[in-house]
Amino acid sequence: ANGTLLRLENVSKTFRMGEVKVEALREVSLDVYAGEFLVMVGPSG
């Protein structure tokens, strides 16, 4: 009712490239509110 549209809860994502394991996300938690303009910034990777 207060506007929470999306919620990420302790989200991790790991990719495997052969024997190499790449942690793309590590325990990310985030709420996205309905009707907002949310910008995510950061370098490649």
All heavy atoms as atom14 arrays in JSON, in Angstrom:
{
  "sequence": "ANGTLLRLENVSKTFRMGEVKVEALREVSLDVYAGEFLVMVGPSG",
  "atom14_mask": [
    [1, 1, 1, 1, 1, 0, 0, 0, 0, 0, 0, 0, 0, 0],
    [1, 1, 1, 1, 1, 1, 1, 1, 0, 0, 0, 0, 0, 0],
    [1, 1, 1, 1, 0, 0, 0, 0, 0, 0, 0, 0, 0, 0],
    [1, 1, 1, 1, 1, 1, 1, 0, 0, 0, 0, 0, 0, 0],
    [1, 1, 1, 1, 1, 1, 1, 1, 0, 0, 0, 0, 0, 0],
    [1, 1, 1, 1, 1, 1, 1, 1, 0, 0, 0, 0, 0, 0],
    [1, 1, 1, 1, 1, 1, 1, 1, 1, 1, 1, 0, 0, 0],
    [1, 1, 1, 1, 1, 1, 1, 1, 0, 0, 0, 0, 0, 0],
    [1, 1, 1, 1, 1, 1, 1, 1, 1, 0, 0, 0, 0, 0],
    [1, 1, 1, 1, 1, 1, 1, 1, 0, 0, 0, 0, 0, 0],
    [1, 1, 1, 1, 1, 1, 1, 0, 0, 0, 0, 0, 0, 0],
    [1, 1, 1, 1, 1, 1, 0, 0, 0, 0, 0, 0, 0, 0],
    [1, 1, 1, 1, 1, 1, 1, 1, 1, 0, 0, 0, 0, 0],
    [1, 1, 1, 1, 1, 1, 1, 0, 0, 0, 0, 0, 0, 0],
    [1, 1, 1, 1, 1, 1, 1, 1, 1, 1, 1, 0, 0, 0],
    [1, 1, 1, 1, 1, 1, 1, 1, 1, 1, 1, 0, 0, 0],
    [1, 1, 1, 1, 1, 1, 1, 1, 0, 0, 0, 0, 0, 0],
    [1, 1, 1, 1, 0, 0, 0, 0, 0, 0, 0, 0, 0, 0],
    [1, 1, 1, 1, 1, 1, 1, 1, 1, 0, 0, 0, 0, 0],
    [1, 1, 1, 1, 1, 1, 1, 0, 0, 0, 0, 0, 0, 0],
    [1, 1, 1, 1, 1, 1, 1, 1, 1, 0, 0, 0, 0, 0],
    [1, 1, 1, 1, 1, 1, 1, 0, 0, 0, 0, 0, 0, 0],
    [1, 1, 1, 1, 1, 1, 1, 1, 1, 0, 0, 0, 0, 0],
    [1, 1, 1, 1, 1, 0, 0, 0, 0, 0, 0, 0, 0, 0],
    [1, 1, 1, 1, 1, 1, 1, 1, 0, 0, 0, 0, 0, 0],
    [1, 1, 1, 1, 1, 1, 1, 1, 1, 1, 1, 0, 0, 0],
    [1, 1, 1, 1, 1, 1, 1, 1, 1, 0, 0, 0, 0, 0],
    [1, 1, 1, 1, 1, 1, 1, 0, 0, 0, 0, 0, 0, 0],
    [1, 1, 1, 1, 1, 1, 0, 0, 0, 0, 0, 0, 0, 0],
    [1, 1, 1, 1, 1, 1, 1, 1, 0, 0, 0, 0, 0, 0],
    [1, 1, 1, 1, 1, 1, 1, 1, 0, 0, 0, 0, 0, 0],
    [1, 1, 1, 1, 1, 1, 1, 0, 0, 0, 0, 0, 0, 0],
    [1, 1, 1, 1, 1, 1, 1, 1, 1, 1, 1, 1, 0, 0],
    [1, 1, 1, 1, 1, 0, 0, 0, 0, 0, 0, 0, 0, 0],
    [1, 1, 1, 1, 0, 0, 0, 0, 0, 0, 0, 0, 0, 0],
    [1, 1, 1, 1, 1, 1, 1, 1, 1, 0, 0, 0, 0, 0],
    [1, 1, 1, 1, 1, 1, 1, 1, 1, 1, 1, 0, 0, 0],
    [1, 1, 1, 1, 1, 1, 1, 1, 0, 0, 0, 0, 0, 0],
    [1, 1, 1, 1, 1, 1, 1, 0, 0, 0, 0, 0, 0, 0],
    [1, 1, 1, 1, 1, 1, 1, 1, 0, 0, 0, 0, 0, 0],
    [1, 1, 1, 1, 1, 1, 1, 0, 0, 0, 0, 0, 0, 0],
    [1, 1, 1, 1, 0, 0, 0, 0, 0, 0, 0, 0, 0, 0],
    [1, 1, 1, 1, 1, 1, 1, 0, 0, 0, 0, 0, 0, 0],
    [1, 1, 1, 1, 1, 1, 0, 0, 0, 0, 0, 0, 0, 0],
    [1, 1, 1, 1, 0, 0, 0, 0, 0, 0, 0, 0, 0, 0]
  ],
  "atom14_positions": [
    [[0.83, -1.2, 0.0], [0.0, 0.0, 0.0], [0.86, 1.25, 0.0], [0.49, 2.28, -0.55], [-0.93, -0.01, 1.22], [0.0, 0.0, 0.0], [0.0, 0.0, 0.0], [0.0, 0.0, 0.0], [0.0, 0.0, 0.0], [0.0, 0.0, 0.0], [0.0, 0.0, 0.0], [0.0, 0.0, 0.0], [0.0, 0.0, 0.0], [0.0, 0.0, 0.0]],
    [[2.04, 1.13, 0.61], [2.96, 2.27, 0.66], [3.83, 2.37, -0.59], [4.64, 3.27, -0.7], [3.86, 2.17, 1.9], [3.08, 2.42, 3.18], [2.02, 3.04, 3.15], [3.59, 1.92, 4.28], [0.0, 0.0, 0.0], [0.0, 0.0, 0.0], [0.0, 0.0, 0.0], [0.0, 0.0, 0.0], [0.0, 0.0, 0.0], [0.0, 0.0, 0.0]],
    [[3.69, 1.41, -1.49], [4.35, 1.56, -2.77], [5.47, 0.61, -3.1], [6.19, 0.83, -4.06], [0.0, 0.0, 0.0], [0.0, 0.0, 0.0], [0.0, 0.0, 0.0], [0.0, 0.0, 0.0], [0.0, 0.0, 0.0], [0.0, 0.0, 0.0], [0.0, 0.0, 0.0], [0.0, 0.0, 0.0], [0.0, 0.0, 0.0], [0.0, 0.0, 0.0]],
    [[5.67, -0.49, -2.32], [6.72, -1.43, -2.67], [6.28, -2.26, -3.87], [5.3, -3.0, -3.8], [7.05, -2.36, -1.49], [7.46, -1.57, -0.37], [8.18, -3.32, -1.86], [0.0, 0.0, 0.0], [0.0, 0.0, 0.0], [0.0, 0.0, 0.0], [0.0, 0.0, 0.0], [0.0, 0.0, 0.0], [0.0, 0.0, 0.0], [0.0, 0.0, 0.0]],
    [[7.02, -2.14, -4.96], [6.68, -2.89, -6.18], [7.57, -4.11, -6.35], [7.09, -5.2, -6.64], [6.81, -1.99, -7.4], [6.4, -2.61, -8.73], [4.88, -2.77, -8.79], [6.88, -1.76, -9.9], [0.0, 0.0, 0.0], [0.0, 0.0, 0.0], [0.0, 0.0, 0.0], [0.0, 0.0, 0.0], [0.0, 0.0, 0.0], [0.0, 0.0, 0.0]],
    [[8.87, -3.92, -6.15], [9.84, -5.0, -6.29], [10.65, -5.1, -5.01], [10.94, -4.1, -4.35], [10.8, -4.73, -7.44], [10.33, -4.92, -8.87], [11.36, -4.32, -9.82], [10.14, -6.39, -9.19], [0.0, 0.0, 0.0], [0.0, 0.0, 0.0], [0.0, 0.0, 0.0], [0.0, 0.0, 0.0], [0.0, 0.0, 0.0], [0.0, 0.0, 0.0]],
    [[11.04, -6.32, -4.68], [11.95, -6.52, -3.54], [12.97, -7.59, -3.87], [12.61, -8.69, -4.28], [11.17, -6.91, -2.29], [12.05, -7.36, -1.12], [11.3, -7.41, 0.18], [10.91, -6.06, 0.59], [10.12, -5.81, 1.63], [9.61, -6.79, 2.33], [9.84, -4.55, 1.93], [0.0, 0.0, 0.0], [0.0, 0.0, 0.0], [0.0, 0.0, 0.0]],
    [[14.23, -7.23, -3.7], [15.31, -8.21, -3.75], [15.73, -8.49, -2.32], [16.0, -7.57, -1.55], [16.51, -7.69, -4.55], [16.37, -7.58, -6.06], [15.63, -6.3, -6.44], [17.73, -7.61, -6.74], [0.0, 0.0, 0.0], [0.0, 0.0, 0.0], [0.0, 0.0, 0.0], [0.0, 0.0, 0.0], [0.0, 0.0, 0.0], [0.0, 0.0, 0.0]],
    [[15.8, -9.77, -1.97], [16.06, -10.17, -0.6], [17.28, -11.08, -0.55], [17.22, -12.25, -0.94], [14.82, -10.91, -0.06], [14.84, -11.31, 1.38], [13.55, -12.03, 1.75], [12.53, -11.35, 1.96], [13.58, -13.27, 1.8], [0.0, 0.0, 0.0], [0.0, 0.0, 0.0], [0.0, 0.0, 0.0], [0.0, 0.0, 0.0], [0.0, 0.0, 0.0]],
    [[18.42, -10.52, -0.12], [19.67, -11.28, 0.02], [20.01, -12.06, -1.25], [20.3, -13.26, -1.22], [19.58, -12.24, 1.22], [19.4, -11.51, 2.53], [20.02, -10.46, 2.75], [18.54, -12.02, 3.38], [0.0, 0.0, 0.0], [0.0, 0.0, 0.0], [0.0, 0.0, 0.0], [0.0, 0.0, 0.0], [0.0, 0.0, 0.0], [0.0, 0.0, 0.0]],
    [[19.97, -11.35, -2.37], [20.14, -12.0, -3.68], [21.62, -12.11, -4.04], [22.36, -11.12, -4.0], [19.38, -11.22, -4.78], [19.76, -11.71, -6.16], [17.87, -11.37, -4.56], [0.0, 0.0, 0.0], [0.0, 0.0, 0.0], [0.0, 0.0, 0.0], [0.0, 0.0, 0.0], [0.0, 0.0, 0.0], [0.0, 0.0, 0.0], [0.0, 0.0, 0.0]],
    [[22.02, -13.31, -4.42], [23.36, -13.56, -4.94], [23.23, -14.23, -6.3], [22.29, -14.98, -6.56], [24.16, -14.46, -4.0], [24.38, -13.83, -2.75], [0.0, 0.0, 0.0], [0.0, 0.0, 0.0], [0.0, 0.0, 0.0], [0.0, 0.0, 0.0], [0.0, 0.0, 0.0], [0.0, 0.0, 0.0], [0.0, 0.0, 0.0], [0.0, 0.0, 0.0]],
    [[24.2, -13.95, -7.16], [24.24, -14.57, -8.48], [25.69, -14.89, -8.81], [26.56, -14.01, -8.8], [23.66, -13.64, -9.55], [23.73, -14.21, -10.96], [22.88, -15.48, -11.12], [22.95, -16.02, -12.54], [22.14, -17.26, -12.7], [0.0, 0.0, 0.0], [0.0, 0.0, 0.0], [0.0, 0.0, 0.0], [0.0, 0.0, 0.0], [0.0, 0.0, 0.0]],
    [[25.93, -16.17, -9.09], [27.26, -16.64, -9.43], [27.26, -17.25, -10.83], [26.37, -18.05, -11.16], [27.75, -17.69, -8.41], [27.75, -17.11, -7.11], [29.15, -18.18, -8.75], [0.0, 0.0, 0.0], [0.0, 0.0, 0.0], [0.0, 0.0, 0.0], [0.0, 0.0, 0.0], [0.0, 0.0, 0.0], [0.0, 0.0, 0.0], [0.0, 0.0, 0.0]],
    [[28.22, -16.84, -11.63], [28.4, -17.42, -12.96], [29.64, -18.3, -12.94], [30.64, -17.96, -12.31], [28.57, -16.33, -14.02], [27.35, -15.46, -14.22], [27.27, -14.22, -13.6], [26.3, -15.88, -15.01], [26.16, -13.41, -13.78], [25.18, -15.08, -15.19], [25.11, -13.84, -14.58], [0.0, 0.0, 0.0], [0.0, 0.0, 0.0], [0.0, 0.0, 0.0]],
    [[29.59, -19.41, -13.66], [30.75, -20.29, -13.77], [31.25, -20.25, -15.21], [30.48, -20.44, -16.14], [30.4, -21.72, -13.36], [30.12, -21.85, -11.87], [29.97, -23.31, -11.45], [29.74, -23.42, -10.02], [30.7, -23.46, -9.11], [31.97, -23.4, -9.5], [30.41, -23.56, -7.83], [0.0, 0.0, 0.0], [0.0, 0.0, 0.0], [0.0, 0.0, 0.0]],
    [[32.54, -20.0, -15.35], [33.19, -20.01, -16.66], [34.31, -21.03, -16.6], [35.43, -20.72, -16.19], [33.71, -18.61, -17.0], [32.63, -17.54, -16.97], [33.27, -15.87, -17.2], [33.89, -15.99, -18.88], [0.0, 0.0, 0.0], [0.0, 0.0, 0.0], [0.0, 0.0, 0.0], [0.0, 0.0, 0.0], [0.0, 0.0, 0.0], [0.0, 0.0, 0.0]],
    [[33.96, -22.29, -16.95], [34.91, -23.38, -16.78], [35.15, -23.62, -15.3], [34.22, -23.87, -14.53], [0.0, 0.0, 0.0], [0.0, 0.0, 0.0], [0.0, 0.0, 0.0], [0.0, 0.0, 0.0], [0.0, 0.0, 0.0], [0.0, 0.0, 0.0], [0.0, 0.0, 0.0], [0.0, 0.0, 0.0], [0.0, 0.0, 0.0], [0.0, 0.0, 0.0]],
    [[36.4, -23.51, -14.89], [36.75, -23.71, -13.47], [36.64, -22.41, -12.67], [36.8, -22.42, -11.45], [38.18, -24.25, -13.36], [38.37, -25.61, -14.0], [37.52, -26.69, -13.34], [37.44, -26.69, -12.1], [36.94, -27.51, -14.07], [0.0, 0.0, 0.0], [0.0, 0.0, 0.0], [0.0, 0.0, 0.0], [0.0, 0.0, 0.0], [0.0, 0.0, 0.0]],
    [[36.37, -21.31, -13.36], [36.35, -20.0, -12.7], [34.92, -19.67, -12.25], [33.96, -19.82, -13.01], [36.86, -18.89, -13.65], [36.8, -17.53, -12.97], [38.28, -19.21, -14.1], [0.0, 0.0, 0.0], [0.0, 0.0, 0.0], [0.0, 0.0, 0.0], [0.0, 0.0, 0.0], [0.0, 0.0, 0.0], [0.0, 0.0, 0.0], [0.0, 0.0, 0.0]],
    [[34.8, -19.21, -11.01], [33.52, -18.8, -10.45], [33.51, -17.29, -10.29], [34.4, -16.73, -9.65], [33.28, -19.49, -9.1], [31.92, -19.19, -8.5], [31.64, -20.06, -7.29], [32.53, -19.69, -6.12], [32.14, -20.42, -4.89], [0.0, 0.0, 0.0], [0.0, 0.0, 0.0], [0.0, 0.0, 0.0], [0.0, 0.0, 0.0], [0.0, 0.0, 0.0]],
    [[32.52, -16.62, -10.89], [32.42, -15.16, -10.83], [31.18, -14.79, -10.02], [30.06, -15.17, -10.39], [32.33, -14.54, -12.24], [32.17, -13.02, -12.14], [33.55, -14.9, -13.06], [0.0, 0.0, 0.0], [0.0, 0.0, 0.0], [0.0, 0.0, 0.0], [0.0, 0.0, 0.0], [0.0, 0.0, 0.0], [0.0, 0.0, 0.0], [0.0, 0.0, 0.0]],
    [[31.36, -14.05, -8.94], [30.23, -13.61, -8.11], [29.75, -12.26, -8.62], [30.32, -11.22, -8.32], [30.66, -13.51, -6.65], [30.98, -14.85, -6.02], [31.31, -14.73, -4.54], [32.09, -13.81, -4.18], [30.78, -15.52, -3.75], [0.0, 0.0, 0.0], [0.0, 0.0, 0.0], [0.0, 0.0, 0.0], [0.0, 0.0, 0.0], [0.0, 0.0, 0.0]],
    [[28.68, -12.28, -9.42], [28.15, -11.05, -10.01], [27.39, -10.22, -8.99], [27.41, -8.99, -9.05], [27.25, -11.39, -11.2], [0.0, 0.0, 0.0], [0.0, 0.0, 0.0], [0.0, 0.0, 0.0], [0.0, 0.0, 0.0], [0.0, 0.0, 0.0], [0.0, 0.0, 0.0], [0.0, 0.0, 0.0], [0.0, 0.0, 0.0], [0.0, 0.0, 0.0]],
    [[26.68, -10.89, -8.08], [25.96, -10.21, -6.99], [26.21, -10.97, -5.7], [26.26, -12.21, -5.68], [24.45, -10.17, -7.26], [23.95, -9.29, -8.39], [22.43, -9.45, -8.54], [24.3, -7.83, -8.18], [0.0, 0.0, 0.0], [0.0, 0.0, 0.0], [0.0, 0.0, 0.0], [0.0, 0.0, 0.0], [0.0, 0.0, 0.0], [0.0, 0.0, 0.0]],
    [[26.32, -10.21, -4.59], [26.59, -10.82, -3.3], [25.63, -10.27, -2.24], [25.78, -9.16, -1.76], [28.04, -10.57, -2.88], [29.07, -11.26, -3.8], [30.48, -11.01, -3.33], [30.9, -9.62, -3.56], [31.98, -9.06, -3.01], [32.71, -9.74, -2.16], [32.29, -7.82, -3.31], [0.0, 0.0, 0.0], [0.0, 0.0, 0.0], [0.0, 0.0, 0.0]],
    [[24.58, -11.04, -1.97], [23.62, -10.74, -0.91], [23.07, -9.32, -1.02], [23.13, -8.53, -0.08], [24.24, -10.98, 0.47], [24.63, -12.44, 0.69], [25.08, -12.72, 2.11], [25.33, -11.74, 2.87], [25.19, -13.89, 2.47], [0.0, 0.0, 0.0], [0.0, 0.0, 0.0], [0.0, 0.0, 0.0], [0.0, 0.0, 0.0], [0.0, 0.0, 0.0]],
    [[22.51, -9.02, -2.17], [21.94, -7.69, -2.42], [20.48, -7.67, -1.97], [19.7, -8.54, -2.35], [22.04, -7.34, -3.92], [21.2, -6.1, -4.23], [23.49, -7.11, -4.31], [0.0, 0.0, 0.0], [0.0, 0.0, 0.0], [0.0, 0.0, 0.0], [0.0, 0.0, 0.0], [0.0, 0.0, 0.0], [0.0, 0.0, 0.0], [0.0, 0.0, 0.0]],
    [[20.13, -6.67, -1.19], [18.74, -6.43, -0.79], [18.34, -5.02, -1.21], [19.1, -4.07, -0.97], [18.56, -6.6, 0.73], [18.8, -7.94, 1.12], [0.0, 0.0, 0.0], [0.0, 0.0, 0.0], [0.0, 0.0, 0.0], [0.0, 0.0, 0.0], [0.0, 0.0, 0.0], [0.0, 0.0, 0.0], [0.0, 0.0, 0.0], [0.0, 0.0, 0.0]],
    [[17.16, -4.9, -1.83], [16.73, -3.61, -2.36], [15.23, -3.61, -2.56], [14.67, -4.6, -3.05], [17.43, -3.34, -3.7], [17.01, -2.08, -4.48], [17.46, -0.82, -3.74], [17.58, -2.1, -5.89], [0.0, 0.0, 0.0], [0.0, 0.0, 0.0], [0.0, 0.0, 0.0], [0.0, 0.0, 0.0], [0.0, 0.0, 0.0], [0.0, 0.0, 0.0]],
    [[14.57, -2.53, -2.19], [13.18, -2.3, -2.52], [13.09, -1.28, -3.64], [13.82, -0.29, -3.65], [12.39, -1.76, -1.32], [12.1, -2.85, -0.29], [12.46, -4.01, -0.53], [11.52, -2.52, 0.76], [0.0, 0.0, 0.0], [0.0, 0.0, 0.0], [0.0, 0.0, 0.0], [0.0, 0.0, 0.0], [0.0, 0.0, 0.0], [0.0, 0.0, 0.0]],
    [[12.18, -1.51, -4.59], [11.88, -0.55, -5.65], [10.42, -0.15, -5.48], [9.54, -1.01, -5.37], [12.09, -1.17, -7.05], [11.72, -0.17, -8.13], [13.54, -1.63, -7.22], [0.0, 0.0, 0.0], [0.0, 0.0, 0.0], [0.0, 0.0, 0.0], [0.0, 0.0, 0.0], [0.0, 0.0, 0.0], [0.0, 0.0, 0.0], [0.0, 0.0, 0.0]],
    [[10.17, 1.16, -5.43], [8.83, 1.66, -5.14], [8.04, 1.95, -6.41], [8.6, 2.37, -7.43], [8.91, 2.92, -4.28], [9.7, 2.73, -3.01], [10.74, 3.59, -2.69], [9.41, 1.67, -2.16], [11.48, 3.4, -1.53], [10.14, 1.48, -1.0], [11.18, 2.35, -0.68], [11.9, 2.15, 0.47], [0.0, 0.0, 0.0], [0.0, 0.0, 0.0]],
    [[6.74, 1.73, -6.34], [5.87, 1.97, -7.48], [5.91, 3.44, -7.88], [5.85, 4.33, -7.03], [4.43, 1.58, -7.13], [0.0, 0.0, 0.0], [0.0, 0.0, 0.0], [0.0, 0.0, 0.0], [0.0, 0.0, 0.0], [0.0, 0.0, 0.0], [0.0, 0.0, 0.0], [0.0, 0.0, 0.0], [0.0, 0.0, 0.0], [0.0, 0.0, 0.0]],
    [[6.06, 3.69, -9.18], [6.01, 5.04, -9.7], [7.29, 5.84, -9.54], [7.29, 7.04, -9.82], [0.0, 0.0, 0.0], [0.0, 0.0, 0.0], [0.0, 0.0, 0.0], [0.0, 0.0, 0.0], [0.0, 0.0, 0.0], [0.0, 0.0, 0.0], [0.0, 0.0, 0.0], [0.0, 0.0, 0.0], [0.0, 0.0, 0.0], [0.0, 0.0, 0.0]],
    [[8.39, 5.2, -9.14], [9.63, 5.96, -8.99], [10.53, 5.79, -10.21], [10.38, 4.87, -11.02], [10.38, 5.54, -7.73], [11.12, 4.24, -7.81], [12.04, 4.02, -6.6], [12.56, 5.01, -6.02], [12.25, 2.86, -6.22], [0.0, 0.0, 0.0], [0.0, 0.0, 0.0], [0.0, 0.0, 0.0], [0.0, 0.0, 0.0], [0.0, 0.0, 0.0]],
    [[11.47, 6.73, -10.33], [12.53, 6.65, -11.34], [13.8, 6.34, -10.58], [14.38, 7.19, -9.91], [12.64, 7.97, -12.09], [13.74, 8.03, -13.11], [14.04, 6.94, -13.9], [14.5, 9.18, -13.28], [15.06, 6.99, -14.84], [15.52, 9.25, -14.21], [15.8, 8.15, -15.0], [0.0, 0.0, 0.0], [0.0, 0.0, 0.0], [0.0, 0.0, 0.0]],
    [[14.22, 5.07, -10.64], [15.37, 4.59, -9.91], [16.52, 4.39, -10.88], [16.37, 3.73, -11.91], [15.05, 3.25, -9.22], [16.19, 2.6, -8.44], [16.39, 3.34, -7.12], [15.89, 1.13, -8.18], [0.0, 0.0, 0.0], [0.0, 0.0, 0.0], [0.0, 0.0, 0.0], [0.0, 0.0, 0.0], [0.0, 0.0, 0.0], [0.0, 0.0, 0.0]],
    [[17.67, 4.97, -10.56], [18.86, 4.84, -11.4], [19.91, 4.04, -10.65], [20.21, 4.33, -9.49], [19.42, 6.22, -11.81], [20.79, 6.07, -12.47], [18.46, 6.92, -12.76], [0.0, 0.0, 0.0], [0.0, 0.0, 0.0], [0.0, 0.0, 0.0], [0.0, 0.0, 0.0], [0.0, 0.0, 0.0], [0.0, 0.0, 0.0], [0.0, 0.0, 0.0]],
    [[20.45, 3.02, -11.31], [21.56, 2.24, -10.76], [22.82, 2.56, -11.54], [22.83, 2.46, -12.77], [21.25, 0.74, -10.82], [20.11, 0.33, -9.91], [19.94, -1.47, -9.76], [19.3, -1.88, -11.38], [0.0, 0.0, 0.0], [0.0, 0.0, 0.0], [0.0, 0.0, 0.0], [0.0, 0.0, 0.0], [0.0, 0.0, 0.0], [0.0, 0.0, 0.0]],
    [[23.85, 2.98, -10.83], [25.1, 3.36, -11.47], [26.25, 2.53, -10.93], [26.19, 2.01, -9.81], [25.41, 4.87, -11.28], [24.33, 5.73, -11.92], [25.54, 5.21, -9.8], [0.0, 0.0, 0.0], [0.0, 0.0, 0.0], [0.0, 0.0, 0.0], [0.0, 0.0, 0.0], [0.0, 0.0, 0.0], [0.0, 0.0, 0.0], [0.0, 0.0, 0.0]],
    [[27.27, 2.41, -11.74], [28.45, 1.68, -11.32], [29.25, 1.28, -12.54], [28.76, 1.31, -13.67], [0.0, 0.0, 0.0], [0.0, 0.0, 0.0], [0.0, 0.0, 0.0], [0.0, 0.0, 0.0], [0.0, 0.0, 0.0], [0.0, 0.0, 0.0], [0.0, 0.0, 0.0], [0.0, 0.0, 0.0], [0.0, 0.0, 0.0], [0.0, 0.0, 0.0]],
    [[30.5, 0.91, -12.34], [31.36, 0.53, -13.47], [30.93, -0.8, -14.07], [30.11, -1.53, -13.5], [32.75, 0.44, -12.82], [32.48, 0.11, -11.39], [31.21, 0.83, -11.04], [0.0, 0.0, 0.0], [0.0, 0.0, 0.0], [0.0, 0.0, 0.0], [0.0, 0.0, 0.0], [0.0, 0.0, 0.0], [0.0, 0.0, 0.0], [0.0, 0.0, 0.0]],
    [[31.5, -1.13, -15.21], [31.24, -2.43, -15.82], [31.62, -3.53, -14.84], [32.65, -3.46, -14.16], [32.05, -2.58, -17.11], [31.66, -1.61, -18.06], [0.0, 0.0, 0.0], [0.0, 0.0, 0.0], [0.0, 0.0, 0.0], [0.0, 0.0, 0.0], [0.0, 0.0, 0.0], [0.0, 0.0, 0.0], [0.0, 0.0, 0.0], [0.0, 0.0, 0.0]],
    [[30.76, -4.55, -14.75], [31.02, -5.65, -13.84], [30.56, -5.43, -12.43], [30.8, -6.27, -11.55], [0.0, 0.0, 0.0], [0.0, 0.0, 0.0], [0.0, 0.0, 0.0], [0.0, 0.0, 0.0], [0.0, 0.0, 0.0], [0.0, 0.0, 0.0], [0.0, 0.0, 0.0], [0.0, 0.0, 0.0], [0.0, 0.0, 0.0], [0.0, 0.0, 0.0]]
  ]
}
